[in-house]
């Protein structure tokens, strides 16, 4: 199981892009960290998740 924001999920074997789509995140408004490494958005489509990965997704919210 992949751990996403503290919750175990069946996401192993898919790309970061596919995971964000499944979780309904806007790729342009989040930062993804895998195993304590921030991932470059340009690589989301090529990084395949492993069952031991720990992922944090941080979203940005505008304010003012």
Protein backbone atom coordinates (compact mmCIF):
# COMPACT_ATOMS: atom_id res chain seq x y z
CA UNK A 1 0.00 0.00 0.00
CA UNK A 2 1.11 3.52 -0.79
CA UNK A 3 0.67 6.04 2.04
CA UNK A 4 -0.83 9.32 0.78
CA UNK A 5 -1.17 12.16 3.29
CA UNK A 6 -1.15 9.62 6.11
CA UNK A 7 -3.72 7.22 4.60
CA UNK A 8 -2.98 3.84 3.03
CA UNK A 9 -4.24 3.66 -0.55
CA UNK A 10 -4.02 1.28 -3.51
CA UNK A 11 -1.89 3.46 -5.80
CA UNK A 12 1.19 1.29 -6.50
CA UNK A 13 2.04 0.88 -10.18
CA UNK A 14 0.47 4.12 -11.41
CA UNK A 15 2.13 7.46 -12.17
CA UNK A 16 1.98 10.59 -10.05
CA UNK A 17 -0.25 12.15 -12.73
CA UNK A 18 -2.68 9.23 -12.55
CA UNK A 19 -2.74 9.41 -8.75
CA UNK A 20 -3.53 13.13 -8.79
CA UNK A 21 -6.32 12.51 -11.30
CA UNK A 22 -7.82 9.73 -9.14
CA UNK A 23 -7.74 12.01 -6.10
CA UNK A 24 -9.16 14.99 -8.05
CA UNK A 25 -6.17 17.28 -7.48
CA UNK A 26 -5.32 20.07 -9.93
CA UNK A 27 -1.73 19.31 -11.03
CA UNK A 28 -0.96 23.02 -11.30
CA UNK A 29 -1.96 23.81 -7.71
CA UNK A 30 -0.15 21.12 -5.72
CA UNK A 31 3.33 20.04 -4.75
CA UNK A 32 4.03 16.33 -4.44
CA UNK A 33 6.64 14.91 -2.10
CA UNK A 34 7.61 11.25 -2.33
CA UNK A 35 9.73 9.79 0.46
CA UNK A 36 10.69 13.30 1.62
CA UNK A 37 11.76 14.46 -1.86
CA UNK A 38 9.85 17.17 -3.72
CA UNK A 39 9.01 16.00 -7.24
CA UNK A 40 9.40 18.29 -10.26
CA UNK A 41 6.00 18.74 -11.94
CA UNK A 42 7.61 17.98 -15.30
CA UNK A 43 8.26 14.42 -14.07
CA UNK A 44 4.78 13.60 -12.72
CA UNK A 45 3.91 11.60 -15.86
CA UNK A 46 7.03 9.42 -15.70
CA UNK A 47 7.32 8.56 -11.98
CA UNK A 48 5.62 5.28 -11.11
CA UNK A 49 4.57 4.79 -7.50
CA UNK A 50 5.95 1.90 -5.46
CA UNK A 51 4.02 0.12 -2.71
CA UNK A 52 6.51 1.40 -0.09
CA UNK A 53 6.22 5.08 -1.07
CA UNK A 54 5.13 7.70 1.43
CA UNK A 55 3.53 10.63 -0.38
CA UNK A 56 2.51 14.07 0.78
CA UNK A 57 0.37 16.28 -1.44
CA UNK A 58 0.26 19.94 -0.50
CA UNK A 59 -2.26 22.24 -2.17
CA UNK A 60 -2.05 25.99 -2.56
CA UNK A 61 -5.00 28.21 -1.76
CA UNK A 62 -5.25 31.84 -2.80
CA UNK A 63 -6.24 34.47 -0.33
CA UNK A 64 -6.18 38.11 0.18
